Amino acid sequence: MNLRRFFACLPLCPLALAACTHVTLASSRQGIVLEGLPPTAQVYVDRKYWGTGAEVEAMPRQLSTGRHELLIIAPGCLPYYGILHLKANELIRRRPGMFCPREGKGT
């Protein structure tokens, strides 16, 4: 899949298919924790490859403050695209709603 073409075709509004919680931390630790990912999913943040779902699952990843794009591509599932806005000292937990029609369920 050509990711540049995929990103160019995406709408600018985020999908509202994800459960998301925000936690403000007293320390300078800030970033994102992704949960409920298919193990073979490919995870991209700001168009950079972060790893597979199994590699990034439930591991806090540090991010700078501001706007970030999240793209998750998994075999047999529709791609997930979301935008998040990270504030200073905030840890975002996100469980993207992946729809996998071949398996007949969402994750």
PDB file of N, CA and C in Angstrom:
ATOM      1  N   MET A   1       0.844  -1.180   0.000  1.00  0.00           N
ATOM      2  CA  MET A   1       0.000   0.000   0.000  1.00  0.00           C
ATOM      3  C   MET A   1       0.889   1.243   0.000  1.00  0.00           C
ATOM      4  N   ASN A   2       0.585   2.194  -0.857  1.00  0.00           N
ATOM      5  CA  ASN A   2       1.322   3.446  -0.914  1.00  0.00           C
ATOM      6  C   ASN A   2       0.780   4.379   0.166  1.00  0.00           C
ATOM      7  N   LEU A   3       1.541   4.577   1.240  1.00  0.00           N
ATOM      8  CA  LEU A   3       1.059   5.373   2.377  1.00  0.00           C
ATOM      9  C   LEU A   3       0.881   6.834   2.015  1.00  0.00           C
ATOM     10  N   ARG A   4       1.732   7.354   1.159  1.00  0.00           N
ATOM     11  CA  ARG A   4       1.593   8.764   0.759  1.00  0.00           C
ATOM     12  C   ARG A   4       0.239   8.985   0.086  1.00  0.00           C
ATOM     13  N   ARG A   5      -0.147   8.067  -0.795  1.00  0.00           N
ATOM     14  CA  ARG A   5      -1.443   8.167  -1.471  1.00  0.00           C
ATOM     15  C   ARG A   5      -2.580   7.986  -0.463  1.00  0.00           C
ATOM     16  N   PHE A   6      -2.401   7.055   0.494  1.00  0.00           N
ATOM     17  CA  PHE A   6      -3.431   6.827   1.511  1.00  0.00           C
ATOM     18  C   PHE A   6      -3.663   8.079   2.344  1.00  0.00           C
ATOM     19  N   PHE A   7      -2.570   8.709   2.823  1.00  0.00           N
ATOM     20  CA  PHE A   7      -2.712   9.919   3.631  1.00  0.00           C
ATOM     21  C   PHE A   7      -3.358  11.046   2.833  1.00  0.00           C
ATOM     22  N   ALA A   8      -3.024  11.149   1.546  1.00  0.00           N
ATOM     23  CA  ALA A   8      -3.571  12.225   0.713  1.00  0.00           C
ATOM     24  C   ALA A   8      -5.079  12.078   0.536  1.00  0.00           C
ATOM     25  N   CYS A   9      -5.609  10.854   0.604  1.00  0.00           N
ATOM     26  CA  CYS A   9      -7.035  10.614   0.384  1.00  0.00           C
ATOM     27  C   CYS A   9      -7.869  10.735   1.653  1.00  0.00           C
ATOM     28  N   LEU A  10      -7.223  10.857   2.804  1.00  0.00           N
ATOM     29  CA  LEU A  10      -7.973  10.884   4.063  1.00  0.00           C
ATOM     30  C   LEU A  10      -8.637  12.235   4.296  1.00  0.00           C
ATOM     31  N   PRO A  11      -9.810  12.221   4.888  1.00  0.00           N
ATOM     32  CA  PRO A  11     -10.450  13.479   5.250  1.00  0.00           C
ATOM     33  C   PRO A  11      -9.681  14.133   6.394  1.00  0.00           C
ATOM     34  N   LEU A  12      -9.862  15.418   6.561  1.00  0.00           N
ATOM     35  CA  LEU A  12      -9.153  16.143   7.611  1.00  0.00           C
ATOM     36  C   LEU A  12      -9.779  15.957   8.980  1.00  0.00           C
ATOM     37  N   CYS A  13     -11.008  15.478   9.045  1.00  0.00           N
ATOM     38  CA  CYS A  13     -11.637  15.293  10.350  1.00  0.00           C
ATOM     39  C   CYS A  13     -11.279  13.916  10.910  1.00  0.00           C
ATOM     40  N   PRO A  14     -11.085  13.801  12.233  1.00  0.00           N
ATOM     41  CA  PRO A  14     -10.734  12.516  12.827  1.00  0.00           C
ATOM     42  C   PRO A  14     -11.944  11.596  12.905  1.00  0.00           C
ATOM     43  N   LEU A  15     -11.679  10.317  12.906  1.00  0.00           N
ATOM     44  CA  LEU A  15     -12.746   9.343  13.097  1.00  0.00           C
ATOM     45  C   LEU A  15     -13.094   9.272  14.572  1.00  0.00           C
ATOM     46  N   ALA A  16     -14.357   9.113  14.871  1.00  0.00           N
ATOM     47  CA  ALA A  16     -14.786   9.064  16.270  1.00  0.00           C
ATOM     48  C   ALA A  16     -15.056   7.623  16.686  1.00  0.00           C
ATOM     49  N   LEU A  17     -14.222   6.705  16.217  1.00  0.00           N
ATOM     50  CA  LEU A  17     -14.442   5.300  16.507  1.00  0.00           C
ATOM     51  C   LEU A  17     -13.545   4.774  17.617  1.00  0.00           C
ATOM     52  N   ALA A  18     -12.869   5.649  18.342  1.00  0.00           N
ATOM     53  CA  ALA A  18     -11.913   5.173  19.336  1.00  0.00           C
ATOM     54  C   ALA A  18     -12.307   5.621  20.724  1.00  0.00           C
ATOM     55  N   ALA A  19     -12.079   4.732  21.673  1.00  0.00           N
ATOM     56  CA  ALA A  19     -12.215   5.111  23.075  1.00  0.00           C
ATOM     57  C   ALA A  19     -10.926   5.812  23.453  1.00  0.00           C
ATOM     58  N   CYS A  20     -11.031   6.920  24.115  1.00  0.00           N
ATOM     59  CA  CYS A  20      -9.840   7.694  24.423  1.00  0.00           C
ATOM     60  C   CYS A  20      -9.988   8.297  25.808  1.00  0.00           C
ATOM     61  N   THR A  21      -8.943   8.212  26.601  1.00  0.00           N
ATOM     62  CA  THR A  21      -8.930   8.860  27.901  1.00  0.00           C
ATOM     63  C   THR A  21      -7.700   9.734  27.989  1.00  0.00           C
ATOM     64  N   HIS A  22      -7.796  10.776  28.752  1.00  0.00           N
ATOM     65  CA  HIS A  22      -6.687  11.702  28.932  1.00  0.00           C
ATOM     66  C   HIS A  22      -6.316  11.720  30.400  1.00  0.00           C
ATOM     67  N   VAL A  23      -5.042  11.615  30.674  1.00  0.00           N
ATOM     68  CA  VAL A  23      -4.548  11.646  32.039  1.00  0.00           C
ATOM     69  C   VAL A  23      -3.470  12.720  32.108  1.00  0.00           C
ATOM     70  N   THR A  24      -3.609  13.674  33.019  1.00  0.00           N
ATOM     71  CA  THR A  24      -2.592  14.691  33.186  1.00  0.00           C
ATOM     72  C   THR A  24      -1.602  14.226  34.241  1.00  0.00           C
ATOM     73  N   LEU A  25      -0.326  14.288  33.901  1.00  0.00           N
ATOM     74  CA  LEU A  25       0.717  13.805  34.787  1.00  0.00           C
ATOM     75  C   LEU A  25       1.436  14.970  35.455  1.00  0.00           C
ATOM     76  N   ALA A  26       1.887  14.762  36.677  1.00  0.00           N
ATOM     77  CA  ALA A  26       2.633  15.785  37.396  1.00  0.00           C
ATOM     78  C   ALA A  26       4.058  15.891  36.870  1.00  0.00           C
ATOM     79  N   SER A  27       4.602  14.806  36.339  1.00  0.00           N
ATOM     80  CA  SER A  27       5.967  14.829  35.822  1.00  0.00           C
ATOM     81  C   SER A  27       5.969  15.331  34.382  1.00  0.00           C
ATOM     82  N   SER A  28       7.136  15.305  33.766  1.00  0.00           N
ATOM     83  CA  SER A  28       7.241  15.765  32.388  1.00  0.00           C
ATOM     84  C   SER A  28       6.947  14.644  31.386  1.00  0.00           C
ATOM     85  N   ARG A  29       6.505  13.477  31.871  1.00  0.00           N
ATOM     86  CA  ARG A  29       6.193  12.361  30.982  1.00  0.00           C
ATOM     87  C   ARG A  29       4.894  12.639  30.244  1.00  0.00           C
ATOM     88  N   GLN A  30       4.958  12.600  28.951  1.00  0.00           N
ATOM     89  CA  GLN A  30       3.764  12.823  28.141  1.00  0.00           C
ATOM     90  C   GLN A  30       3.853  11.963  26.894  1.00  0.00           C
ATOM     91  N   GLY A  31       2.695  11.550  26.402  1.00  0.00           N
ATOM     92  CA  GLY A  31       2.683  10.741  25.200  1.00  0.00           C
ATOM     93  C   GLY A  31       1.399   9.980  25.023  1.00  0.00           C
ATOM     94  N   ILE A  32       1.515   8.775  24.450  1.00  0.00           N
ATOM     95  CA  ILE A  32       0.344   7.978  24.105  1.00  0.00           C
ATOM     96  C   ILE A  32       0.584   6.512  24.464  1.00  0.00           C
ATOM     97  N   VAL A  33      -0.513   5.851  24.854  1.00  0.00           N
ATOM     98  CA  VAL A  33      -0.524   4.406  25.081  1.00  0.00           C
ATOM     99  C   VAL A  33      -1.626   3.848  24.186  1.00  0.00           C
ATOM    100  N   LEU A  34      -1.279   2.900  23.322  1.00  0.00           N
ATOM    101  CA  LEU A  34      -2.254   2.272  22.434  1.00  0.00           C
ATOM    102  C   LEU A  34      -2.605   0.899  22.980  1.00  0.00           C
ATOM    103  N   GLU A  35      -3.904   0.588  22.987  1.00  0.00           N
ATOM    104  CA  GLU A  35      -4.387  -0.686  23.538  1.00  0.00           C
ATOM    105  C   GLU A  35      -5.334  -1.347  22.549  1.00  0.00           C
ATOM    106  N   GLY A  36      -5.452  -2.666  22.641  1.00  0.00           N
ATOM    107  CA  GLY A  36      -6.411  -3.415  21.822  1.00  0.00           C
ATOM    108  C   GLY A  36      -6.060  -3.473  20.351  1.00  0.00           C
ATOM    109  N   LEU A  37      -4.774  -3.490  20.019  1.00  0.00           N
ATOM    110  CA  LEU A  37      -4.353  -3.523  18.619  1.00  0.00           C
ATOM    111  C   LEU A  37      -4.216  -4.960  18.123  1.00  0.00           C
ATOM    112  N   PRO A  38      -4.559  -5.204  16.857  1.00  0.00           N
ATOM    113  CA  PRO A  38      -4.246  -6.519  16.293  1.00  0.00           C
ATOM    114  C   PRO A  38      -2.718  -6.702  16.311  1.00  0.00           C
ATOM    115  N   PRO A  39      -2.221  -7.877  16.670  1.00  0.00           N
ATOM    116  CA  PRO A  39      -0.778  -8.076  16.809  1.00  0.00           C
ATOM    117  C   PRO A  39       0.030  -7.790  15.543  1.00  0.00           C
ATOM    118  N   THR A  40      -0.571  -8.032  14.364  1.00  0.00           N
ATOM    119  CA  THR A  40       0.162  -7.827  13.113  1.00  0.00           C
ATOM    120  C   THR A  40      -0.061  -6.454  12.495  1.00  0.00           C
ATOM    121  N   ALA A  41      -0.769  -5.584  13.183  1.00  0.00           N
ATOM    122  CA  ALA A  41      -1.043  -4.242  12.663  1.00  0.00           C
ATOM    123  C   ALA A  41       0.256  -3.454  12.517  1.00  0.00           C
ATOM    124  N   GLN A  42       0.282  -2.574  11.536  1.00  0.00           N
ATOM    125  CA  GLN A  42       1.397  -1.652  11.350  1.00  0.00           C
ATOM    126  C   GLN A  42       0.958  -0.304  11.902  1.00  0.00           C
ATOM    127  N   VAL A  43       1.729   0.263  12.820  1.00  0.00           N
ATOM    128  CA  VAL A  43       1.359   1.493  13.505  1.00  0.00           C
ATOM    129  C   VAL A  43       2.255   2.637  13.028  1.00  0.00           C
ATOM    130  N   TYR A  44       1.621   3.720  12.583  1.00  0.00           N
ATOM    131  CA  TYR A  44       2.334   4.914  12.136  1.00  0.00           C
ATOM    132  C   TYR A  44       1.846   6.099  12.951  1.00  0.00           C
ATOM    133  N   VAL A  45       2.773   6.913  13.423  1.00  0.00           N
ATOM    134  CA  VAL A  45       2.434   8.167  14.096  1.00  0.00           C
ATOM    135  C   VAL A  45       3.185   9.268  13.370  1.00  0.00           C
ATOM    136  N   ASP A  46       2.448  10.269  12.942  1.00  0.00           N
ATOM    137  CA  ASP A  46       3.011  11.375  12.162  1.00  0.00           C
ATOM    138  C   ASP A  46       3.804  10.854  10.966  1.00  0.00           C
ATOM    139  N   ARG A  47       3.225   9.860  10.287  1.00  0.00           N
ATOM    140  CA  ARG A  47       3.769   9.259   9.070  1.00  0.00           C
ATOM    141  C   ARG A  47       5.092   8.534   9.282  1.00  0.00           C
ATOM    142  N   LYS A  48       5.420   8.227  10.533  1.00  0.00           N
ATOM    143  CA  LYS A  48       6.627   7.459  10.848  1.00  0.00           C
ATOM    144  C   LYS A  48       6.201   6.108  11.427  1.00  0.00           C
ATOM    145  N   TYR A  49       6.873   5.065  10.961  1.00  0.00           N
ATOM    146  CA  TYR A  49       6.550   3.711  11.413  1.00  0.00           C
ATOM    147  C   TYR A  49       7.019   3.516  12.846  1.00  0.00           C
ATOM    148  N   TRP A  50       6.114   3.090  13.735  1.00  0.00           N
ATOM    149  CA  TRP A  50       6.438   2.830  15.144  1.00  0.00           C
ATOM    150  C   TRP A  50       6.651   1.355  15.411  1.00  0.00           C
ATOM    151  N   GLY A  51       6.064   0.469  14.622  1.00  0.00           N
ATOM    152  CA  GLY A  51       6.203  -0.965  14.843  1.00  0.00           C
ATOM    153  C   GLY A  51       4.878  -1.674  14.654  1.00  0.00           C
ATOM    154  N   THR A  52       4.869  -2.951  15.012  1.00  0.00           N
ATOM    155  CA  THR A  52       3.640  -3.738  14.902  1.00  0.00           C
ATOM    156  C   THR A  52       2.780  -3.532  16.149  1.00  0.00           C
ATOM    157  N   GLY A  53       1.542  -3.982  16.070  1.00  0.00           N
ATOM    158  CA  GLY A  53       0.649  -3.897  17.222  1.00  0.00           C
ATOM    159  C   GLY A  53       1.223  -4.611  18.434  1.00  0.00           C
ATOM    160  N   ALA A  54       1.843  -5.771  18.212  1.00  0.00           N
ATOM    161  CA  ALA A  54       2.440  -6.529  19.319  1.00  0.00           C
ATOM    162  C   ALA A  54       3.604  -5.766  19.951  1.00  0.00           C
ATOM    163  N   GLU A  55       4.328  -4.988  19.156  1.00  0.00           N
ATOM    164  CA  GLU A  55       5.487  -4.246  19.667  1.00  0.00           C
ATOM    165  C   GLU A  55       5.096  -2.996  20.451  1.00  0.00           C
ATOM    166  N   VAL A  56       4.021  -2.343  20.061  1.00  0.00           N
ATOM    167  CA  VAL A  56       3.658  -1.075  20.717  1.00  0.00           C
ATOM    168  C   VAL A  56       2.502  -1.210  21.706  1.00  0.00           C
ATOM    169  N   GLU A  57       1.856  -2.365  21.739  1.00  0.00           N
ATOM    170  CA  GLU A  57       0.698  -2.590  22.615  1.00  0.00           C
ATOM    171  C   GLU A  57       1.003  -2.239  24.069  1.00  0.00           C
ATOM    172  N   ALA A  58       0.220  -1.344  24.630  1.00  0.00           N
ATOM    173  CA  ALA A  58       0.233  -0.973  26.052  1.00  0.00           C
ATOM    174  C   ALA A  58       1.560  -0.394  26.541  1.00  0.00           C
ATOM    175  N   MET A  59       2.452  -0.019  25.625  1.00  0.00           N
ATOM    176  CA  MET A  59       3.718   0.604  26.022  1.00  0.00           C
ATOM    177  C   MET A  59       3.610   2.115  25.859  1.00  0.00           C
ATOM    178  N   PRO A  60       3.799   2.883  26.923  1.00  0.00           N
ATOM    179  CA  PRO A  60       3.759   4.339  26.772  1.00  0.00           C
ATOM    180  C   PRO A  60       4.860   4.806  25.818  1.00  0.00           C
ATOM    181  N   ARG A  61       4.492   5.645  24.866  1.00  0.00           N
ATOM    182  CA  ARG A  61       5.440   6.199  23.907  1.00  0.00           C
ATOM    183  C   ARG A  61       5.439   7.706  24.057  1.00  0.00           C
ATOM    184  N   GLN A  62       6.596   8.280  24.167  1.00  0.00           N
ATOM    185  CA  GLN A  62       6.715   9.717  24.371  1.00  0.00           C
ATOM    186  C   GLN A  62       6.449  10.465  23.068  1.00  0.00           C
ATOM    187  N   LEU A  63       5.692  11.566  23.174  1.00  0.00           N
ATOM    188  CA  LEU A  63       5.383  12.444  22.051  1.00  0.00           C
ATOM    189  C   LEU A  63       5.488  13.884  22.506  1.00  0.00           C
ATOM    190  N   SER A  64       5.777  14.768  21.572  1.00  0.00           N
ATOM    191  CA  SER A  64       5.799  16.189  21.886  1.00  0.00           C
ATOM    192  C   SER A  64       4.366  16.716  21.979  1.00  0.00           C
ATOM    193  N   THR A  65       4.204  17.882  22.544  1.00  0.00           N
ATOM    194  CA  THR A  65       2.877  18.493  22.610  1.00  0.00           C
ATOM    195  C   THR A  65       2.443  18.888  21.200  1.00  0.00           C
ATOM    196  N   GLY A  66       1.137  18.990  21.014  1.00  0.00           N
ATOM    197  CA  GLY A  66       0.606  19.422  19.726  1.00  0.00           C
ATOM    198  C   GLY A  66      -0.205  18.355  19.035  1.00  0.00           C
ATOM    199  N   ARG A  67      -0.396  18.546  17.730  1.00  0.00           N
ATOM    200  CA  ARG A  67      -1.245  17.690  16.902  1.00  0.00           C
ATOM    201  C   ARG A  67      -0.430  16.527  16.360  1.00  0.00           C
ATOM    202  N   HIS A  68      -1.023  15.332  16.401  1.00  0.00           N
ATOM    203  CA  HIS A  68      -0.370  14.127  15.886  1.00  0.00           C
ATOM    204  C   HIS A  68      -1.383  13.297  15.112  1.00  0.00           C
ATOM    205  N   GLU A  69      -0.916  12.642  14.038  1.00  0.00           N
ATOM    206  CA  GLU A  69      -1.748  11.762  13.226  1.00  0.00           C
ATOM    207  C   GLU A  69      -1.411  10.310  13.555  1.00  0.00           C
ATOM    208  N   LEU A  70      -2.430   9.499  13.690  1.00  0.00           N
ATOM    209  CA  LEU A  70      -2.280   8.080  14.003  1.00  0.00           C
ATOM    210  C   LEU A  70      -2.906   7.269  12.874  1.00  0.00           C
ATOM    211  N   LEU A  71      -2.125   6.345  12.305  1.00  0.00           N
ATOM    212  CA  LEU A  71      -2.612   5.460  11.252  1.00  0.00           C
ATOM    213  C   LEU A  71      -2.257   4.034  11.646  1.00  0.00           C
ATOM    214  N   ILE A  72      -3.253   3.147  11.620  1.00  0.00           N
ATOM    215  CA  ILE A  72      -3.037   1.740  11.935  1.00  0.00           C
ATOM    216  C   ILE A  72      -3.605   0.918  10.789  1.00  0.00           C
ATOM    217  N   ILE A  73      -2.752   0.058  10.228  1.00  0.00           N
ATOM    218  CA  ILE A  73      -3.140  -0.801   9.110  1.00  0.00           C
ATOM    219  C   ILE A  73      -2.934  -2.244   9.551  1.00  0.00           C
ATOM    220  N   ALA A  74      -3.995  -3.044   9.465  1.00  0.00           N
ATOM    221  CA  ALA A  74      -3.908  -4.456   9.856  1.00  0.00           C
ATOM    222  C   ALA A  74      -4.502  -5.322   8.756  1.00  0.00           C
ATOM    223  N   PRO A  75      -3.896  -6.479   8.496  1.00  0.00           N
ATOM    224  CA  PRO A  75      -4.447  -7.390   7.485  1.00  0.00           C
ATOM    225  C   PRO A  75      -5.890  -7.776   7.822  1.00  0.00           C
ATOM    226  N   GLY A  76      -6.764  -7.674   6.834  1.00  0.00           N
ATOM    227  CA  GLY A  76      -8.160  -8.059   7.027  1.00  0.00           C
ATOM    228  C   GLY A  76      -9.011  -7.010   7.719  1.00  0.00           C
ATOM    229  N   CYS A  77      -8.429  -5.858   8.066  1.00  0.00           N
ATOM    230  CA  CYS A  77      -9.163  -4.791   8.766  1.00  0.00           C
ATOM    231  C   CYS A  77      -9.129  -3.509   7.943  1.00  0.00           C
ATOM    232  N   LEU A  78     -10.146  -2.687   8.155  1.00  0.00           N
ATOM    233  CA  LEU A  78     -10.123  -1.373   7.539  1.00  0.00           C
ATOM    234  C   LEU A  78      -9.089  -0.514   8.259  1.00  0.00           C
ATOM    235  N   PRO A  79      -8.361   0.340   7.527  1.00  0.00           N
ATOM    236  CA  PRO A  79      -7.367   1.195   8.181  1.00  0.00           C
ATOM    237  C   PRO A  79      -8.030   2.133   9.182  1.00  0.00           C
ATOM    238  N   TYR A  80      -7.338   2.415  10.261  1.00  0.00           N
ATOM    239  CA  TYR A  80      -7.806   3.363  11.266  1.00  0.00           C
ATOM    240  C   TYR A  80      -6.956   4.624  11.137  1.00  0.00           C
ATOM    241  N   TYR A  81      -7.620   5.767  11.102  1.00  0.00           N
ATOM    242  CA  TYR A  81      -6.928   7.050  11.062  1.00  0.00           C
ATOM    243  C   TYR A  81      -7.546   7.947  12.122  1.00  0.00           C
ATOM    244  N   GLY A  82      -6.713   8.593  12.906  1.00  0.00           N
ATOM    245  CA  GLY A  82      -7.196   9.507  13.928  1.00  0.00           C
ATOM    246  C   GLY A  82      -6.221  10.634  14.153  1.00  0.00           C
ATOM    247  N   ILE A  83      -6.718  11.716  14.679  1.00  0.00           N
ATOM    248  CA  ILE A  83      -5.903  12.879  15.031  1.00  0.00           C
ATOM    249  C   ILE A  83      -6.036  13.081  16.527  1.00  0.00           C
ATOM    250  N   LEU A  84      -4.909  13.332  17.182  1.00  0.00           N
ATOM    251  CA  LEU A  84      -4.962  13.623  18.609  1.00  0.00           C
ATOM    252  C   LEU A  84      -4.177  14.888  18.882  1.00  0.00           C
ATOM    253  N   HIS A  85      -4.592  15.590  19.918  1.00  0.00           N
ATOM    254  CA  HIS A  85      -3.941  16.827  20.339  1.00  0.00           C
ATOM    255  C   HIS A  85      -3.407  16.600  21.744  1.00  0.00           C
ATOM    256  N   LEU A  86      -2.103  16.639  21.888  1.00  0.00           N
ATOM    257  CA  LEU A  86      -1.457  16.337  23.153  1.00  0.00           C
ATOM    258  C   LEU A  86      -1.048  17.626  23.851  1.00  0.00           C
ATOM    259  N   LYS A  87      -1.457  17.745  25.105  1.00  0.00           N
ATOM    260  CA  LYS A  87      -1.090  18.895  25.928  1.00  0.00           C
ATOM    261  C   LYS A  87       0.132  18.539  26.769  1.00  0.00           C
ATOM    262  N   ALA A  88       0.761  19.521  27.350  1.00  0.00           N
ATOM    263  CA  ALA A  88       1.929  19.300  28.198  1.00  0.00           C
ATOM    264  C   ALA A  88       1.561  18.385  29.369  1.00  0.00           C
ATOM    265  N   ASN A  89       2.424  17.455  29.681  1.00  0.00           N
ATOM    266  CA  ASN A  89       2.263  16.519  30.801  1.00  0.00           C
ATOM    267  C   ASN A  89       1.006  15.665  30.701  1.00  0.00           C
ATOM    268  N   GLU A  90       0.565  15.335  29.501  1.00  0.00           N
ATOM    269  CA  GLU A  90      -0.646  14.547  29.297  1.00  0.00           C
ATOM    270  C   GLU A  90      -0.281  13.191  28.680  1.00  0.00           C
ATOM    271  N   LEU A  91      -0.849  12.142  29.227  1.00  0.00           N
ATOM    272  CA  LEU A  91      -0.691  10.802  28.671  1.00  0.00           C
ATOM    273  C   LEU A  91      -2.058  10.374  28.149  1.00  0.00           C
ATOM    274  N   ILE A  92      -2.135  10.118  26.851  1.00  0.00           N
ATOM    275  CA  ILE A  92      -3.395   9.723  26.228  1.00  0.00           C
ATOM    276  C   ILE A  92      -3.401   8.210  26.067  1.00  0.00           C
ATOM    277  N   ARG A  93      -4.482   7.575  26.506  1.00  0.00           N
ATOM    278  CA  ARG A  93      -4.686   6.142  26.281  1.00  0.00           C
ATOM    279  C   ARG A  93      -5.747   6.019  25.193  1.00  0.00           C
ATOM    280  N   ARG A  94      -5.424   5.285  24.150  1.00  0.00           N
ATOM    281  CA  ARG A  94      -6.367   5.153  23.043  1.00  0.00           C
ATOM    282  C   ARG A  94      -6.513   3.686  22.663  1.00  0.00           C
ATOM    283  N   ARG A  95      -7.773   3.281  22.477  1.00  0.00           N
ATOM    284  CA  ARG A  95      -8.107   1.940  22.004  1.00  0.00           C
ATOM    285  C   ARG A  95      -8.825   2.135  20.668  1.00  0.00           C
ATOM    286  N   PRO A  96      -8.059   2.123  19.564  1.00  0.00           N
ATOM    287  CA  PRO A  96      -8.672   2.376  18.254  1.00  0.00           C
ATOM    288  C   PRO A  96      -9.711   1.318  17.906  1.00  0.00           C
ATOM    289  N   GLY A  97     -10.819   1.752  17.353  1.00  0.00           N
ATOM    290  CA  GLY A  97     -11.869   0.823  16.919  1.00  0.00           C
ATOM    291  C   GLY A  97     -11.540   0.289  15.542  1.00  0.00           C
ATOM    292  N   MET A  98     -10.943  -0.886  15.497  1.00  0.00           N
ATOM    293  CA  MET A  98     -10.569  -1.499  14.226  1.00  0.00           C
ATOM    294  C   MET A  98     -11.721  -2.393  13.755  1.00  0.00           C
ATOM    295  N   PHE A  99     -12.187  -2.193  12.522  1.00  0.00           N
ATOM    296  CA  PHE A  99     -13.240  -3.025  11.958  1.00  0.00           C
ATOM    297  C   PHE A  99     -12.603  -4.040  11.026  1.00  0.00           C
ATOM    298  N   CYS A 100     -12.791  -5.306  11.353  1.00  0.00           N
ATOM    299  CA  CYS A 100     -12.185  -6.409  10.579  1.00  0.00           C
ATOM    300  C   CYS A 100     -13.284  -7.266   9.981  1.00  0.00           C
ATOM    301  N   PRO A 101     -13.791  -6.944   8.782  1.00  0.00           N
ATOM    302  CA  PRO A 101     -14.927  -7.661   8.212  1.00  0.00           C
ATOM    303  C   PRO A 101     -14.659  -9.131   7.949  1.00  0.00           C
ATOM    304  N   ARG A 102     -13.432  -9.536   7.644  1.00  0.00           N
ATOM    305  CA  ARG A 102     -13.145 -10.952   7.382  1.00  0.00           C
ATOM    306  C   ARG A 102     -13.317 -11.789   8.643  1.00  0.00           C
ATOM    307  N   GLU A 103     -13.011 -11.196   9.769  1.00  0.00           N
ATOM    308  CA  GLU A 103     -13.179 -11.906  11.038  1.00  0.00           C
ATOM    309  C   GLU A 103     -14.591 -11.759  11.568  1.00  0.00           C
ATOM    310  N   GLY A 104     -15.359 -10.834  10.952  1.00  0.00           N
ATOM    311  CA  GLY A 104     -16.741 -10.637  11.350  1.00  0.00           C
ATOM    312  C   GLY A 104     -16.890  -9.876  12.659  1.00  0.00           C
ATOM    313  N   LYS A 105     -15.852  -9.130  13.031  1.00  0.00           N
ATOM    314  CA  LYS A 105     -15.943  -8.379  14.297  1.00  0.00           C
ATOM    315  C   LYS A 105     -15.008  -7.187  14.237  1.00  0.00           C
ATOM    316  N   GLY A 106     -15.188  -6.310  15.195  1.00  0.00           N
ATOM    317  CA  GLY A 106     -14.269  -5.206  15.396  1.00  0.00           C
ATOM    318  C   GLY A 106     -13.429  -5.508  16.610  1.00  0.00           C
ATOM    319  N   THR A 107     -12.254  -4.866  16.707  1.00  0.00           N
ATOM    320  CA  THR A 107     -11.400  -5.091  17.893  1.00  0.00           C
ATOM    321  C   THR A 107     -11.372  -3.853  18.726  1.00  0.00           C
TER     322      THR A 107
END
